[in-house]
Amino acid sequence: MTQVELSVSQQSVGEYPVLEVRGEVDVYSAPALADGLNTLIDSGTKAVIVDLTEVGFLDSTGLGVLVAARSAAADAGRALPIACAHERILKLFKITGLDAVFEIHPSVDAAVHSLGHQNSSG
């Protein structure tokens, strides 16, 4: 049995921090995702981009972490766009209705572009 690890790393694209998530997000790995998200949200930036493009599996625990992080970000006046192109993961957002809650983009670049637009028009 192969165990797929979760890797959570941080990088920046322009002025925005990006939380790069790779692997599988489940009940065991979700706390690592939560820690990474909370750290970036608490850092005071205008937005945190969550990069799920390298995530192969996301369960309800992982979705719960994302929803909690989005609430925390919204309370702090921050945006939490998601970059995801995996049909399976996108389907999960659609089925749960979370595609209406999160701003989901096909790539990190698209998320950055969207944030840039919001800042110039807002």
N, C-alpha and C. Protein backbone atom coordinates (compact mmCIF):
# COMPACT_ATOMS: atom_id res chain seq x y z
N MET A 1 0.84 -1.19 0.00
CA MET A 1 0.00 0.00 0.00
C MET A 1 0.88 1.25 0.00
N THR A 2 0.63 2.13 -0.93
CA THR A 2 1.38 3.38 -1.01
C THR A 2 0.63 4.46 -0.27
N GLN A 3 1.34 5.13 0.61
CA GLN A 3 0.70 6.23 1.32
C GLN A 3 1.11 7.53 0.65
N VAL A 4 0.11 8.30 0.22
CA VAL A 4 0.39 9.57 -0.42
C VAL A 4 0.44 10.64 0.66
N GLU A 5 1.55 11.30 0.74
CA GLU A 5 1.73 12.33 1.75
C GLU A 5 1.12 13.64 1.27
N LEU A 6 0.87 14.50 2.22
CA LEU A 6 0.42 15.84 1.90
C LEU A 6 1.60 16.77 2.08
N SER A 7 1.80 17.64 1.13
CA SER A 7 2.85 18.63 1.24
C SER A 7 2.19 20.00 1.12
N VAL A 8 2.49 20.87 2.08
CA VAL A 8 1.94 22.22 2.08
C VAL A 8 3.13 23.17 2.12
N SER A 9 3.27 23.99 1.08
CA SER A 9 4.38 24.94 1.07
C SER A 9 3.86 26.32 0.67
N GLN A 10 4.66 27.32 0.97
CA GLN A 10 4.25 28.69 0.70
C GLN A 10 5.20 29.33 -0.29
N GLN A 11 4.63 30.05 -1.23
CA GLN A 11 5.41 30.85 -2.15
C GLN A 11 4.64 32.14 -2.37
N SER A 12 5.22 33.06 -3.11
CA SER A 12 4.50 34.29 -3.42
C SER A 12 4.47 34.50 -4.92
N VAL A 13 3.33 34.97 -5.39
CA VAL A 13 3.19 35.35 -6.79
C VAL A 13 2.78 36.81 -6.76
N GLY A 14 3.68 37.67 -7.18
CA GLY A 14 3.43 39.10 -7.06
C GLY A 14 3.35 39.44 -5.59
N GLU A 15 2.29 40.16 -5.21
CA GLU A 15 2.13 40.56 -3.82
C GLU A 15 1.36 39.53 -2.99
N TYR A 16 0.92 38.45 -3.63
CA TYR A 16 0.04 37.51 -2.95
C TYR A 16 0.76 36.23 -2.51
N PRO A 17 0.53 35.83 -1.26
CA PRO A 17 1.06 34.54 -0.83
C PRO A 17 0.20 33.42 -1.43
N VAL A 18 0.87 32.34 -1.80
CA VAL A 18 0.18 31.18 -2.37
C VAL A 18 0.48 29.98 -1.49
N LEU A 19 -0.56 29.30 -1.04
CA LEU A 19 -0.38 28.07 -0.28
C LEU A 19 -0.49 26.93 -1.28
N GLU A 20 0.65 26.31 -1.57
CA GLU A 20 0.72 25.24 -2.55
C GLU A 20 0.47 23.90 -1.85
N VAL A 21 -0.60 23.24 -2.23
CA VAL A 21 -0.97 21.98 -1.58
C VAL A 21 -0.80 20.85 -2.60
N ARG A 22 -0.09 19.78 -2.17
CA ARG A 22 0.14 18.64 -3.06
C ARG A 22 -0.20 17.36 -2.33
N GLY A 23 -0.79 16.41 -3.07
CA GLY A 23 -1.08 15.11 -2.48
C GLY A 23 -2.55 14.94 -2.15
N GLU A 24 -2.82 14.32 -1.00
CA GLU A 24 -4.19 14.02 -0.61
C GLU A 24 -4.55 14.75 0.68
N VAL A 25 -5.70 15.40 0.66
CA VAL A 25 -6.19 16.08 1.86
C VAL A 25 -7.30 15.23 2.44
N ASP A 26 -7.03 14.63 3.60
CA ASP A 26 -8.03 13.81 4.26
C ASP A 26 -8.01 14.10 5.76
N VAL A 27 -8.70 13.28 6.52
CA VAL A 27 -8.82 13.51 7.96
C VAL A 27 -7.46 13.56 8.66
N TYR A 28 -6.47 12.84 8.13
CA TYR A 28 -5.14 12.80 8.75
C TYR A 28 -4.28 13.99 8.37
N SER A 29 -4.42 14.46 7.13
CA SER A 29 -3.55 15.53 6.66
C SER A 29 -4.18 16.92 6.75
N ALA A 30 -5.49 16.98 6.97
CA ALA A 30 -6.18 18.27 7.02
C ALA A 30 -5.61 19.26 8.04
N PRO A 31 -5.16 18.80 9.23
CA PRO A 31 -4.59 19.76 10.18
C PRO A 31 -3.39 20.53 9.63
N ALA A 32 -2.57 19.89 8.79
CA ALA A 32 -1.42 20.57 8.18
C ALA A 32 -1.91 21.67 7.25
N LEU A 33 -2.98 21.40 6.52
CA LEU A 33 -3.57 22.39 5.63
C LEU A 33 -4.12 23.55 6.46
N ALA A 34 -4.82 23.23 7.53
CA ALA A 34 -5.39 24.27 8.40
C ALA A 34 -4.30 25.17 8.97
N ASP A 35 -3.21 24.57 9.43
CA ASP A 35 -2.10 25.35 9.99
C ASP A 35 -1.54 26.33 8.96
N GLY A 36 -1.31 25.82 7.74
CA GLY A 36 -0.76 26.66 6.68
C GLY A 36 -1.69 27.81 6.33
N LEU A 37 -2.98 27.51 6.23
CA LEU A 37 -3.97 28.54 5.90
C LEU A 37 -4.05 29.59 7.00
N ASN A 38 -4.14 29.13 8.25
CA ASN A 38 -4.28 30.07 9.37
C ASN A 38 -3.08 30.99 9.48
N THR A 39 -1.88 30.44 9.26
CA THR A 39 -0.66 31.24 9.33
C THR A 39 -0.70 32.37 8.30
N LEU A 40 -1.09 32.03 7.06
CA LEU A 40 -1.12 33.04 6.00
C LEU A 40 -2.25 34.05 6.20
N ILE A 41 -3.42 33.58 6.64
CA ILE A 41 -4.54 34.50 6.87
C ILE A 41 -4.19 35.47 7.99
N ASP A 42 -3.53 34.96 9.03
CA ASP A 42 -3.14 35.80 10.17
C ASP A 42 -2.01 36.76 9.83
N SER A 43 -1.31 36.53 8.70
CA SER A 43 -0.15 37.36 8.36
C SER A 43 -0.56 38.77 7.91
N GLY A 44 -1.84 38.96 7.61
CA GLY A 44 -2.32 40.29 7.29
C GLY A 44 -2.33 40.67 5.82
N THR A 45 -2.06 39.74 4.93
CA THR A 45 -2.10 40.07 3.50
C THR A 45 -3.55 40.21 3.04
N LYS A 46 -3.75 40.89 1.91
CA LYS A 46 -5.10 41.15 1.40
C LYS A 46 -5.80 39.87 0.94
N ALA A 47 -5.00 38.92 0.48
CA ALA A 47 -5.57 37.68 -0.06
C ALA A 47 -4.56 36.55 0.09
N VAL A 48 -5.09 35.35 0.17
CA VAL A 48 -4.27 34.14 0.19
C VAL A 48 -4.82 33.23 -0.90
N ILE A 49 -3.97 32.85 -1.84
CA ILE A 49 -4.40 31.96 -2.92
C ILE A 49 -4.10 30.53 -2.50
N VAL A 50 -5.11 29.68 -2.57
CA VAL A 50 -4.93 28.26 -2.23
C VAL A 50 -4.78 27.49 -3.54
N ASP A 51 -3.60 26.94 -3.75
CA ASP A 51 -3.30 26.21 -4.99
C ASP A 51 -3.56 24.73 -4.79
N LEU A 52 -4.69 24.26 -5.34
CA LEU A 52 -5.05 22.84 -5.24
C LEU A 52 -4.79 22.09 -6.54
N THR A 53 -4.00 22.69 -7.44
CA THR A 53 -3.79 22.07 -8.75
C THR A 53 -3.06 20.73 -8.66
N GLU A 54 -2.31 20.49 -7.58
CA GLU A 54 -1.59 19.23 -7.43
C GLU A 54 -2.23 18.31 -6.39
N VAL A 55 -3.49 18.59 -6.04
CA VAL A 55 -4.20 17.75 -5.07
C VAL A 55 -4.99 16.69 -5.84
N GLY A 56 -4.76 15.42 -5.49
CA GLY A 56 -5.44 14.34 -6.17
C GLY A 56 -6.69 13.86 -5.45
N PHE A 57 -6.78 14.20 -4.16
CA PHE A 57 -7.92 13.74 -3.36
C PHE A 57 -8.22 14.77 -2.29
N LEU A 58 -9.51 15.06 -2.11
CA LEU A 58 -9.95 16.00 -1.09
C LEU A 58 -11.24 15.43 -0.50
N ASP A 59 -11.25 15.21 0.82
CA ASP A 59 -12.47 14.67 1.43
C ASP A 59 -13.22 15.77 2.18
N SER A 60 -14.27 15.37 2.88
CA SER A 60 -15.11 16.35 3.58
C SER A 60 -14.34 17.09 4.67
N THR A 61 -13.35 16.44 5.28
CA THR A 61 -12.55 17.11 6.30
C THR A 61 -11.76 18.24 5.66
N GLY A 62 -11.18 17.97 4.51
CA GLY A 62 -10.43 19.00 3.78
C GLY A 62 -11.33 20.15 3.37
N LEU A 63 -12.52 19.82 2.89
CA LEU A 63 -13.48 20.86 2.51
C LEU A 63 -13.84 21.71 3.73
N GLY A 64 -14.01 21.04 4.88
CA GLY A 64 -14.33 21.74 6.12
C GLY A 64 -13.24 22.73 6.50
N VAL A 65 -11.99 22.32 6.31
CA VAL A 65 -10.85 23.21 6.60
C VAL A 65 -10.89 24.43 5.69
N LEU A 66 -11.18 24.21 4.41
CA LEU A 66 -11.25 25.31 3.46
C LEU A 66 -12.39 26.28 3.81
N VAL A 67 -13.54 25.72 4.20
CA VAL A 67 -14.69 26.55 4.56
C VAL A 67 -14.37 27.38 5.81
N ALA A 68 -13.76 26.75 6.81
CA ALA A 68 -13.38 27.47 8.03
C ALA A 68 -12.38 28.59 7.71
N ALA A 69 -11.42 28.28 6.84
CA ALA A 69 -10.41 29.27 6.46
C ALA A 69 -11.06 30.43 5.69
N ARG A 70 -12.04 30.10 4.85
CA ARG A 70 -12.71 31.15 4.10
C ARG A 70 -13.47 32.07 5.04
N SER A 71 -14.11 31.50 6.05
CA SER A 71 -14.83 32.31 7.05
C SER A 71 -13.86 33.22 7.79
N ALA A 72 -12.73 32.66 8.21
CA ALA A 72 -11.72 33.44 8.93
C ALA A 72 -11.18 34.56 8.04
N ALA A 73 -10.95 34.24 6.77
CA ALA A 73 -10.44 35.24 5.82
C ALA A 73 -11.47 36.35 5.63
N ALA A 74 -12.73 35.96 5.44
CA ALA A 74 -13.79 36.94 5.24
C ALA A 74 -13.94 37.84 6.47
N ASP A 75 -13.88 37.25 7.66
CA ASP A 75 -13.97 38.03 8.90
C ASP A 75 -12.85 39.05 8.99
N ALA A 76 -11.69 38.69 8.44
CA ALA A 76 -10.53 39.57 8.49
C ALA A 76 -10.47 40.50 7.27
N GLY A 77 -11.49 40.42 6.41
CA GLY A 77 -11.52 41.27 5.22
C GLY A 77 -10.57 40.84 4.14
N ARG A 78 -10.27 39.53 4.08
CA ARG A 78 -9.34 39.01 3.10
C ARG A 78 -10.04 38.06 2.11
N ALA A 79 -9.46 37.94 0.95
CA ALA A 79 -9.98 37.02 -0.06
C ALA A 79 -9.23 35.69 0.03
N LEU A 80 -9.91 34.61 -0.35
CA LEU A 80 -9.29 33.28 -0.33
C LEU A 80 -9.65 32.55 -1.63
N PRO A 81 -9.11 33.02 -2.76
CA PRO A 81 -9.40 32.33 -4.02
C PRO A 81 -8.68 30.99 -4.10
N ILE A 82 -9.26 30.08 -4.86
CA ILE A 82 -8.70 28.74 -5.02
C ILE A 82 -8.31 28.52 -6.48
N ALA A 83 -7.14 27.92 -6.67
CA ALA A 83 -6.71 27.52 -8.01
C ALA A 83 -6.85 26.01 -8.09
N CYS A 84 -7.67 25.55 -9.03
CA CYS A 84 -7.91 24.12 -9.16
C CYS A 84 -8.40 23.81 -10.56
N ALA A 85 -7.78 22.81 -11.20
CA ALA A 85 -8.20 22.42 -12.54
C ALA A 85 -8.64 20.96 -12.59
N HIS A 86 -8.50 20.25 -11.45
CA HIS A 86 -8.88 18.83 -11.40
C HIS A 86 -10.38 18.68 -11.45
N GLU A 87 -10.87 17.98 -12.47
CA GLU A 87 -12.31 17.81 -12.64
C GLU A 87 -12.95 17.15 -11.42
N ARG A 88 -12.25 16.18 -10.84
CA ARG A 88 -12.77 15.44 -9.69
C ARG A 88 -12.95 16.37 -8.47
N ILE A 89 -11.99 17.22 -8.24
CA ILE A 89 -12.05 18.15 -7.11
C ILE A 89 -13.11 19.22 -7.39
N LEU A 90 -13.14 19.73 -8.62
CA LEU A 90 -14.12 20.74 -8.99
C LEU A 90 -15.55 20.20 -8.83
N LYS A 91 -15.72 18.94 -9.16
CA LYS A 91 -17.02 18.30 -9.04
C LYS A 91 -17.48 18.28 -7.58
N LEU A 92 -16.52 18.05 -6.69
CA LEU A 92 -16.81 18.05 -5.25
C LEU A 92 -17.32 19.42 -4.81
N PHE A 93 -16.69 20.48 -5.31
CA PHE A 93 -17.15 21.83 -4.98
C PHE A 93 -18.56 22.07 -5.53
N LYS A 94 -18.82 21.58 -6.74
CA LYS A 94 -20.15 21.77 -7.35
C LYS A 94 -21.23 21.01 -6.59
N ILE A 95 -20.97 19.73 -6.29
CA ILE A 95 -21.93 18.88 -5.59
C ILE A 95 -22.33 19.48 -4.25
N THR A 96 -21.33 20.03 -3.54
CA THR A 96 -21.58 20.58 -2.20
C THR A 96 -22.09 22.02 -2.24
N GLY A 97 -22.12 22.62 -3.45
CA GLY A 97 -22.57 23.99 -3.57
C GLY A 97 -21.50 25.00 -3.20
N LEU A 98 -20.30 24.51 -2.91
CA LEU A 98 -19.22 25.41 -2.49
C LEU A 98 -18.61 26.18 -3.66
N ASP A 99 -18.98 25.77 -4.88
CA ASP A 99 -18.48 26.52 -6.04
C ASP A 99 -19.11 27.91 -6.06
N ALA A 100 -20.23 28.09 -5.34
CA ALA A 100 -20.87 29.40 -5.24
C ALA A 100 -20.28 30.22 -4.09
N VAL A 101 -19.56 29.55 -3.20
CA VAL A 101 -18.99 30.20 -2.02
C VAL A 101 -17.56 30.65 -2.30
N PHE A 102 -16.80 29.78 -2.96
CA PHE A 102 -15.40 30.08 -3.26
C PHE A 102 -15.25 30.65 -4.65
N GLU A 103 -14.24 31.47 -4.82
CA GLU A 103 -13.87 31.95 -6.15
C GLU A 103 -12.83 30.94 -6.64
N ILE A 104 -13.19 30.15 -7.65
CA ILE A 104 -12.30 29.09 -8.13
C ILE A 104 -11.78 29.44 -9.53
N HIS A 105 -10.47 29.35 -9.66
CA HIS A 105 -9.80 29.68 -10.93
C HIS A 105 -9.05 28.46 -11.44
N PRO A 106 -8.82 28.39 -12.77
CA PRO A 106 -8.11 27.23 -13.33
C PRO A 106 -6.62 27.21 -13.02
N SER A 107 -6.06 28.36 -12.60
CA SER A 107 -4.62 28.41 -12.31
C SER A 107 -4.34 29.52 -11.29
N VAL A 108 -3.15 29.48 -10.72
CA VAL A 108 -2.73 30.52 -9.79
C VAL A 108 -2.66 31.86 -10.52
N ASP A 109 -2.15 31.85 -11.76
CA ASP A 109 -2.05 33.08 -12.54
C ASP A 109 -3.43 33.72 -12.75
N ALA A 110 -4.43 32.89 -13.01
CA ALA A 110 -5.79 33.41 -13.21
C ALA A 110 -6.32 34.02 -11.91
N ALA A 111 -6.00 33.41 -10.78
CA ALA A 111 -6.42 33.95 -9.48
C ALA A 111 -5.75 35.29 -9.21
N VAL A 112 -4.45 35.36 -9.50
CA VAL A 112 -3.69 36.61 -9.31
C VAL A 112 -4.28 37.71 -10.20
N HIS A 113 -4.57 37.35 -11.44
CA HIS A 113 -5.15 38.31 -12.39
C HIS A 113 -6.48 38.85 -11.87
N SER A 114 -7.32 37.94 -11.38
CA SER A 114 -8.63 38.31 -10.85
C SER A 114 -8.49 39.24 -9.64
N LEU A 115 -7.54 38.94 -8.75
CA LEU A 115 -7.32 39.77 -7.57
C LEU A 115 -6.83 41.15 -7.99
N GLY A 116 -5.98 41.21 -8.99
CA GLY A 116 -5.48 42.48 -9.50
C GLY A 116 -6.61 43.33 -10.04
N HIS A 117 -7.56 42.67 -10.72
CA HIS A 117 -8.74 43.37 -11.26
C HIS A 117 -9.59 43.92 -10.14
N GLN A 118 -9.81 43.10 -9.11
CA GLN A 118 -10.66 43.53 -7.98
C GLN A 118 -10.04 44.74 -7.29
N ASN A 119 -8.71 44.73 -7.12
CA ASN A 119 -8.04 45.83 -6.44
C ASN A 119 -8.09 47.12 -7.25
N SER A 120 -8.00 47.01 -8.57
CA SER A 120 -8.00 48.22 -9.38
C SER A 120 -9.41 48.78 -9.56
N SER A 121 -10.40 47.89 -9.52
CA SER A 121 -11.79 48.36 -9.71
C SER A 121 -12.46 48.65 -8.37
N GLY A 122 -11.89 48.14 -7.26
CA GLY A 122 -12.54 48.30 -5.98
C GLY A 122 -12.00 49.46 -5.29
